[in-house]
Amino acid sequence: MAQFDFSLIKKMLVAEGTEVQFRAEFFNMFNRANFGSPGTRLFSRAGTPVRADAGRISQTTTTSRQIQFALKILF
């Protein structure tokens, strides 16, 4: 599984004792798909035909790219 998270933080002094902080956070920045495990059941029960979803990967294990911005005032 691979995922790349990244954050940028900029602090700005507004007045004496007051600071503004801007943040940009990127989760799964390159939007890489991490696939789940394939279906492992070959038969539903004895004597039935092979399941159509046997060996198929039908889901991912991580979320898609998410971007979050924040503005914080510290005093």
N, C-alpha and C. Protein backbone atom coordinates (compact mmCIF):
# COMPACT_ATOMS: atom_id res chain seq x y z
N MET A 1 0.85 -1.16 0.00
CA MET A 1 0.00 0.00 0.00
C MET A 1 0.90 1.23 0.00
N ALA A 2 0.56 2.20 -0.83
CA ALA A 2 1.34 3.42 -0.91
C ALA A 2 0.40 4.62 -0.90
N GLN A 3 0.78 5.64 -0.13
CA GLN A 3 0.00 6.86 -0.06
C GLN A 3 0.95 7.98 0.30
N PHE A 4 0.81 9.14 -0.34
CA PHE A 4 1.69 10.27 -0.11
C PHE A 4 0.87 11.42 0.44
N ASP A 5 1.14 11.84 1.68
CA ASP A 5 0.47 12.98 2.31
C ASP A 5 1.45 14.14 2.37
N PHE A 6 0.92 15.37 2.23
CA PHE A 6 1.79 16.55 2.16
C PHE A 6 1.10 17.72 2.84
N SER A 7 1.85 18.55 3.57
CA SER A 7 1.30 19.73 4.24
C SER A 7 2.18 20.94 3.99
N LEU A 8 1.53 22.08 3.83
CA LEU A 8 2.21 23.36 3.74
C LEU A 8 1.66 24.26 4.84
N ILE A 9 2.55 24.94 5.57
CA ILE A 9 2.12 25.82 6.65
C ILE A 9 2.84 27.15 6.49
N LYS A 10 2.08 28.24 6.53
CA LYS A 10 2.64 29.59 6.44
C LYS A 10 2.20 30.37 7.68
N LYS A 11 3.16 30.86 8.46
CA LYS A 11 2.86 31.66 9.65
C LYS A 11 3.18 33.12 9.34
N MET A 12 2.23 34.01 9.69
CA MET A 12 2.41 35.44 9.44
C MET A 12 2.14 36.21 10.72
N LEU A 13 3.05 37.09 11.09
CA LEU A 13 2.88 37.91 12.28
C LEU A 13 2.06 39.14 11.88
N VAL A 14 0.90 39.32 12.50
CA VAL A 14 -0.01 40.42 12.17
C VAL A 14 0.27 41.61 13.07
N ALA A 15 0.34 41.38 14.35
CA ALA A 15 0.65 42.42 15.34
C ALA A 15 1.41 41.73 16.47
N GLU A 16 1.87 42.53 17.41
CA GLU A 16 2.62 41.94 18.52
C GLU A 16 1.72 41.00 19.31
N GLY A 17 2.09 39.75 19.38
CA GLY A 17 1.32 38.75 20.10
C GLY A 17 0.19 38.13 19.30
N THR A 18 0.03 38.52 18.04
CA THR A 18 -1.03 37.95 17.19
C THR A 18 -0.40 37.37 15.93
N GLU A 19 -0.77 36.15 15.64
CA GLU A 19 -0.21 35.43 14.49
C GLU A 19 -1.34 34.76 13.72
N VAL A 20 -1.22 34.75 12.40
CA VAL A 20 -2.17 34.05 11.55
C VAL A 20 -1.43 32.89 10.90
N GLN A 21 -2.06 31.73 10.91
CA GLN A 21 -1.45 30.53 10.34
C GLN A 21 -2.36 29.98 9.25
N PHE A 22 -1.81 29.82 8.05
CA PHE A 22 -2.55 29.22 6.94
C PHE A 22 -1.97 27.84 6.68
N ARG A 23 -2.85 26.85 6.52
CA ARG A 23 -2.43 25.47 6.28
C ARG A 23 -3.13 24.92 5.05
N ALA A 24 -2.39 24.18 4.27
CA ALA A 24 -2.94 23.40 3.15
C ALA A 24 -2.43 21.98 3.33
N GLU A 25 -3.36 21.02 3.43
CA GLU A 25 -3.00 19.63 3.65
C GLU A 25 -3.57 18.77 2.52
N PHE A 26 -2.74 17.91 1.98
CA PHE A 26 -3.12 17.03 0.87
C PHE A 26 -2.96 15.59 1.33
N PHE A 27 -4.04 14.82 1.25
CA PHE A 27 -4.01 13.41 1.63
C PHE A 27 -4.16 12.59 0.36
N ASN A 28 -3.30 11.58 0.19
CA ASN A 28 -3.23 10.77 -1.03
C ASN A 28 -3.03 11.70 -2.23
N MET A 29 -2.01 12.52 -2.14
CA MET A 29 -1.76 13.61 -3.09
C MET A 29 -1.73 13.16 -4.55
N PHE A 30 -1.17 12.02 -4.85
CA PHE A 30 -1.07 11.56 -6.24
C PHE A 30 -2.25 10.69 -6.65
N ASN A 31 -3.25 10.59 -5.76
CA ASN A 31 -4.50 9.86 -6.03
C ASN A 31 -4.24 8.42 -6.47
N ARG A 32 -3.34 7.77 -5.79
CA ARG A 32 -3.00 6.38 -6.10
C ARG A 32 -4.07 5.43 -5.57
N ALA A 33 -4.51 4.53 -6.41
CA ALA A 33 -5.51 3.55 -6.01
C ALA A 33 -4.82 2.36 -5.35
N ASN A 34 -5.21 2.04 -4.13
CA ASN A 34 -4.72 0.85 -3.42
C ASN A 34 -5.87 -0.14 -3.40
N PHE A 35 -5.76 -1.18 -4.19
CA PHE A 35 -6.85 -2.12 -4.38
C PHE A 35 -6.95 -3.12 -3.23
N GLY A 36 -8.19 -3.56 -2.97
CA GLY A 36 -8.46 -4.55 -1.93
C GLY A 36 -8.09 -5.95 -2.41
N SER A 37 -8.38 -6.92 -1.58
CA SER A 37 -8.09 -8.32 -1.91
C SER A 37 -9.13 -8.85 -2.90
N PRO A 38 -8.73 -9.75 -3.78
CA PRO A 38 -9.71 -10.33 -4.71
C PRO A 38 -10.65 -11.29 -3.98
N GLY A 39 -11.82 -11.52 -4.59
CA GLY A 39 -12.77 -12.48 -4.03
C GLY A 39 -12.16 -13.86 -3.99
N THR A 40 -12.27 -14.54 -2.86
CA THR A 40 -11.59 -15.83 -2.68
C THR A 40 -12.53 -17.03 -2.75
N ARG A 41 -13.83 -16.80 -2.77
CA ARG A 41 -14.76 -17.93 -2.83
C ARG A 41 -15.01 -18.30 -4.28
N LEU A 42 -14.74 -19.54 -4.63
CA LEU A 42 -14.91 -20.02 -6.00
C LEU A 42 -16.31 -20.56 -6.24
N PHE A 43 -16.87 -21.23 -5.24
CA PHE A 43 -18.22 -21.81 -5.35
C PHE A 43 -19.08 -21.31 -4.20
N SER A 44 -20.37 -21.12 -4.45
CA SER A 44 -21.30 -20.75 -3.37
C SER A 44 -21.50 -21.94 -2.44
N ARG A 45 -21.72 -23.11 -3.00
CA ARG A 45 -21.82 -24.36 -2.25
C ARG A 45 -21.47 -25.51 -3.19
N ALA A 46 -21.29 -26.68 -2.67
CA ALA A 46 -20.87 -27.83 -3.48
C ALA A 46 -21.86 -28.11 -4.61
N GLY A 47 -21.35 -28.36 -5.80
CA GLY A 47 -22.17 -28.73 -6.94
C GLY A 47 -22.73 -27.55 -7.71
N THR A 48 -22.39 -26.33 -7.35
CA THR A 48 -22.89 -25.15 -8.09
C THR A 48 -21.82 -24.65 -9.04
N PRO A 49 -22.20 -23.87 -10.04
CA PRO A 49 -21.20 -23.34 -10.96
C PRO A 49 -20.29 -22.31 -10.28
N VAL A 50 -19.21 -22.01 -10.95
CA VAL A 50 -18.22 -21.05 -10.42
C VAL A 50 -18.89 -19.69 -10.29
N ARG A 51 -18.59 -19.00 -9.17
CA ARG A 51 -19.14 -17.66 -8.93
C ARG A 51 -18.55 -16.67 -9.93
N ALA A 52 -19.36 -15.72 -10.37
CA ALA A 52 -18.92 -14.71 -11.34
C ALA A 52 -17.90 -13.75 -10.75
N ASP A 53 -17.94 -13.52 -9.44
CA ASP A 53 -17.02 -12.56 -8.82
C ASP A 53 -15.75 -13.21 -8.25
N ALA A 54 -15.51 -14.48 -8.54
CA ALA A 54 -14.32 -15.17 -8.04
C ALA A 54 -13.06 -14.55 -8.66
N GLY A 55 -12.15 -14.12 -7.82
CA GLY A 55 -10.89 -13.55 -8.29
C GLY A 55 -10.96 -12.09 -8.71
N ARG A 56 -12.12 -11.45 -8.60
CA ARG A 56 -12.26 -10.05 -8.99
C ARG A 56 -11.97 -9.13 -7.80
N ILE A 57 -11.37 -8.00 -8.10
CA ILE A 57 -11.15 -6.96 -7.10
C ILE A 57 -12.25 -5.93 -7.30
N SER A 58 -13.06 -5.72 -6.27
CA SER A 58 -14.22 -4.85 -6.42
C SER A 58 -14.20 -3.61 -5.53
N GLN A 59 -13.10 -3.38 -4.82
CA GLN A 59 -13.04 -2.21 -3.95
C GLN A 59 -11.60 -1.76 -3.74
N THR A 60 -11.46 -0.52 -3.28
CA THR A 60 -10.15 0.01 -2.91
C THR A 60 -10.08 0.08 -1.39
N THR A 61 -8.87 0.11 -0.85
CA THR A 61 -8.70 0.11 0.60
C THR A 61 -8.45 1.51 1.16
N THR A 62 -8.14 2.47 0.31
CA THR A 62 -7.90 3.84 0.78
C THR A 62 -8.84 4.80 0.04
N THR A 63 -8.96 5.99 0.57
CA THR A 63 -9.84 6.99 -0.05
C THR A 63 -9.13 7.68 -1.20
N SER A 64 -9.89 8.43 -1.97
CA SER A 64 -9.30 9.20 -3.07
C SER A 64 -8.63 10.46 -2.51
N ARG A 65 -8.08 11.29 -3.38
CA ARG A 65 -7.38 12.50 -2.97
C ARG A 65 -8.31 13.41 -2.18
N GLN A 66 -7.80 13.96 -1.09
CA GLN A 66 -8.54 14.92 -0.28
C GLN A 66 -7.64 16.11 0.00
N ILE A 67 -8.20 17.31 -0.11
CA ILE A 67 -7.45 18.54 0.14
C ILE A 67 -8.18 19.32 1.23
N GLN A 68 -7.42 19.83 2.19
CA GLN A 68 -8.01 20.54 3.32
C GLN A 68 -7.25 21.85 3.53
N PHE A 69 -7.98 22.95 3.70
CA PHE A 69 -7.40 24.26 3.98
C PHE A 69 -7.85 24.71 5.35
N ALA A 70 -6.99 25.43 6.05
CA ALA A 70 -7.33 25.93 7.38
C ALA A 70 -6.68 27.29 7.61
N LEU A 71 -7.36 28.13 8.36
CA LEU A 71 -6.85 29.44 8.74
C LEU A 71 -7.03 29.56 10.25
N LYS A 72 -5.93 29.80 10.96
CA LYS A 72 -5.97 29.84 12.40
C LYS A 72 -5.38 31.17 12.88
N ILE A 73 -6.05 31.81 13.84
CA ILE A 73 -5.56 33.05 14.44
C ILE A 73 -5.13 32.74 15.86
N LEU A 74 -3.88 33.02 16.16
CA LEU A 74 -3.31 32.76 17.48
C LEU A 74 -3.06 34.10 18.17
N PHE A 75 -3.62 34.28 19.37
CA PHE A 75 -3.40 35.53 20.11
C PHE A 75 -3.24 35.26 21.58
